[in-house]
Amino acid sequence: MRLYTLLLFILFSLTVSTDIEAKSKKDKGVYIFTCGESLNDSTSYVSGIFFFPQLKVNKKTHYLEQSPVFSEQFRHYLQNTYNDHFACVTFSNTKKAKLEKQLLKLRRHHEKRIKGNLPSKLVDIPADNFKLTYTSPTE
């Protein structure tokens, strides 16, 4: 009987440890890039992809609550650099491959606009020039 109890305890402890590892792998962080569109011409600016391990996407709404903070950072950078008015949006995903797919889709959209004789220009902002930052609020 003691052996049976010991085996059950070992199996239970292994199950608990694998559940903890699975949860930690799911909450691994968020990949982000930002895009800004000039309101005076048809130029779009795209930042690089950044990784923030401390952020989490809301599981119910699939929305990153810090998105407006990152959009505002990019808008300030663009306004200070190019002296123009911009509308910015933040794209985020927990998987880098899916975010890269969104970026590729954005690039293809601009290529189609150029082929259709619509004025469009996509400018990549190097990581040396702009870097997203996030400081967690102190509570």
Protein backbone atom coordinates (compact mmCIF):
# COMPACT_ATOMS: atom_id res chain seq x y z
CA MET A 1 0.00 0.00 0.00
CA ARG A 2 2.85 2.37 0.77
CA LEU A 3 4.42 1.68 -2.62
CA TYR A 4 1.12 2.43 -4.34
CA THR A 5 0.81 5.74 -2.45
CA LEU A 6 4.39 6.66 -3.30
CA LEU A 7 3.82 5.98 -7.01
CA LEU A 8 0.66 8.10 -7.01
CA PHE A 9 2.53 10.94 -5.31
CA ILE A 10 5.35 10.79 -7.90
CA LEU A 11 2.89 10.78 -10.80
CA PHE A 12 1.00 13.72 -9.31
CA SER A 13 4.19 15.73 -8.81
CA LEU A 14 5.27 15.08 -12.41
CA THR A 15 1.88 16.21 -13.68
CA VAL A 16 2.01 19.42 -11.66
CA SER A 17 5.54 20.25 -12.85
CA THR A 18 4.64 19.76 -16.54
CA ASP A 19 1.58 21.99 -16.11
CA ILE A 20 3.76 24.74 -14.64
CA GLU A 21 6.21 24.44 -17.55
CA ALA A 22 3.38 24.55 -20.09
CA LYS A 23 1.96 27.73 -18.53
CA SER A 24 5.35 29.41 -18.49
CA LYS A 25 5.86 28.62 -22.19
CA LYS A 26 2.49 30.17 -23.08
CA ASP A 27 3.24 33.44 -21.26
CA LYS A 28 6.53 34.03 -23.01
CA GLY A 29 6.08 37.62 -24.19
CA VAL A 30 4.91 39.66 -27.15
CA TYR A 31 6.48 40.62 -30.48
CA ILE A 32 5.62 44.12 -31.72
CA PHE A 33 6.14 46.39 -34.71
CA THR A 34 4.62 49.78 -35.44
CA CYS A 35 3.52 51.43 -38.65
CA GLY A 36 2.93 55.12 -39.25
CA GLU A 37 1.15 56.73 -42.18
CA SER A 38 1.75 60.32 -43.16
CA LEU A 39 -1.48 62.32 -43.33
CA ASN A 40 -0.11 64.72 -45.99
CA ASP A 41 1.21 62.21 -48.51
CA SER A 42 1.07 58.47 -49.10
CA THR A 43 4.26 57.51 -47.28
CA SER A 44 4.22 54.75 -44.66
CA TYR A 45 6.94 54.16 -42.11
CA VAL A 46 7.56 50.77 -40.49
CA SER A 47 9.67 50.00 -37.43
CA GLY A 48 11.52 46.77 -36.83
CA ILE A 49 10.14 43.89 -34.80
CA PHE A 50 10.76 44.16 -31.06
CA PHE A 51 10.27 41.57 -28.33
CA PHE A 52 8.95 42.38 -24.85
CA PRO A 53 9.03 39.36 -22.50
CA GLN A 54 7.11 41.10 -19.69
CA LEU A 55 4.00 41.94 -21.77
CA LYS A 56 0.94 39.76 -22.25
CA VAL A 57 -1.92 39.84 -24.72
CA ASN A 58 -5.41 39.78 -23.25
CA LYS A 59 -6.60 36.21 -23.88
CA LYS A 60 -10.25 37.15 -24.20
CA THR A 61 -9.95 40.13 -26.56
CA HIS A 62 -6.53 39.32 -28.12
CA TYR A 63 -5.59 42.97 -27.59
CA LEU A 64 -2.35 44.31 -26.22
CA GLU A 65 -3.33 46.96 -23.68
CA GLN A 66 -0.04 48.84 -24.14
CA SER A 67 -0.58 49.33 -27.91
CA PRO A 68 -1.46 53.04 -27.61
CA VAL A 69 1.79 53.66 -25.71
CA PHE A 70 3.89 52.17 -28.51
CA SER A 71 1.89 53.93 -31.24
CA GLU A 72 2.40 57.24 -29.45
CA GLN A 73 6.16 56.64 -29.14
CA PHE A 74 6.43 55.98 -32.87
CA ARG A 75 4.24 58.98 -33.73
CA HIS A 76 6.47 61.29 -31.63
CA TYR A 77 9.59 59.90 -33.29
CA LEU A 78 8.14 60.42 -36.79
CA GLN A 79 6.90 63.94 -36.03
CA ASN A 80 10.26 64.97 -34.60
CA THR A 81 12.20 63.41 -37.47
CA TYR A 82 10.04 64.33 -40.49
CA ASN A 83 8.06 67.39 -39.25
CA ASP A 84 4.74 66.04 -40.49
CA HIS A 85 1.46 64.68 -39.08
CA PHE A 86 1.13 60.91 -38.67
CA ALA A 87 -1.36 58.24 -37.73
CA CYS A 88 0.29 55.21 -36.15
CA VAL A 89 -0.81 51.67 -35.33
CA THR A 90 0.84 48.87 -33.38
CA PHE A 91 0.80 45.26 -34.54
CA SER A 92 1.47 42.56 -31.93
CA ASN A 93 1.48 38.79 -31.64
CA THR A 94 2.90 36.19 -29.30
CA LYS A 95 4.41 34.34 -32.27
CA LYS A 96 7.12 36.03 -34.30
CA ALA A 97 6.27 34.10 -37.48
CA LYS A 98 2.68 35.37 -37.45
CA LEU A 99 3.83 38.94 -36.92
CA GLU A 100 6.32 38.64 -39.79
CA LYS A 101 3.43 37.39 -41.94
CA GLN A 102 1.45 40.55 -41.07
CA LEU A 103 4.45 42.69 -42.00
CA LEU A 104 4.78 40.85 -45.32
CA LYS A 105 1.07 41.40 -45.98
CA LEU A 106 1.55 45.13 -45.36
CA ARG A 107 4.49 45.22 -47.79
CA ARG A 108 2.49 43.39 -50.47
CA HIS A 109 -0.37 45.86 -50.04
CA HIS A 110 2.01 48.73 -50.81
CA GLU A 111 3.46 46.86 -53.79
CA LYS A 112 -0.05 46.45 -55.23
CA ARG A 113 -0.73 50.16 -54.77
CA ILE A 114 2.46 51.02 -56.66
CA LYS A 115 1.59 48.60 -59.50
CA GLY A 116 -1.87 50.16 -59.69
CA ASN A 117 -0.28 53.59 -60.30
CA LEU A 118 -1.35 54.83 -56.89
CA PRO A 119 1.27 56.90 -55.09
CA SER A 120 2.65 54.85 -52.24
CA LYS A 121 5.99 54.60 -50.51
CA LEU A 122 7.09 52.32 -47.68
CA VAL A 123 10.09 53.37 -45.58
CA ASP A 124 11.79 51.05 -43.11
CA ILE A 125 13.06 52.71 -39.96
CA PRO A 126 16.31 50.98 -38.88
CA ALA A 127 16.61 49.72 -35.32
CA ASP A 128 19.62 52.03 -34.88
CA ASN A 129 17.37 55.08 -35.35
CA PHE A 130 14.29 54.04 -33.38
CA LYS A 131 13.70 51.59 -30.55
CA LEU A 132 10.45 50.96 -28.70
CA THR A 133 10.73 51.13 -24.93
CA TYR A 134 8.37 50.03 -22.21
CA THR A 135 8.56 50.65 -18.49
CA SER A 136 6.10 48.79 -16.34
CA PRO A 137 3.90 50.99 -14.17
CA THR A 138 4.72 50.98 -10.50
CA GLU A 139 1.79 49.85 -8.45
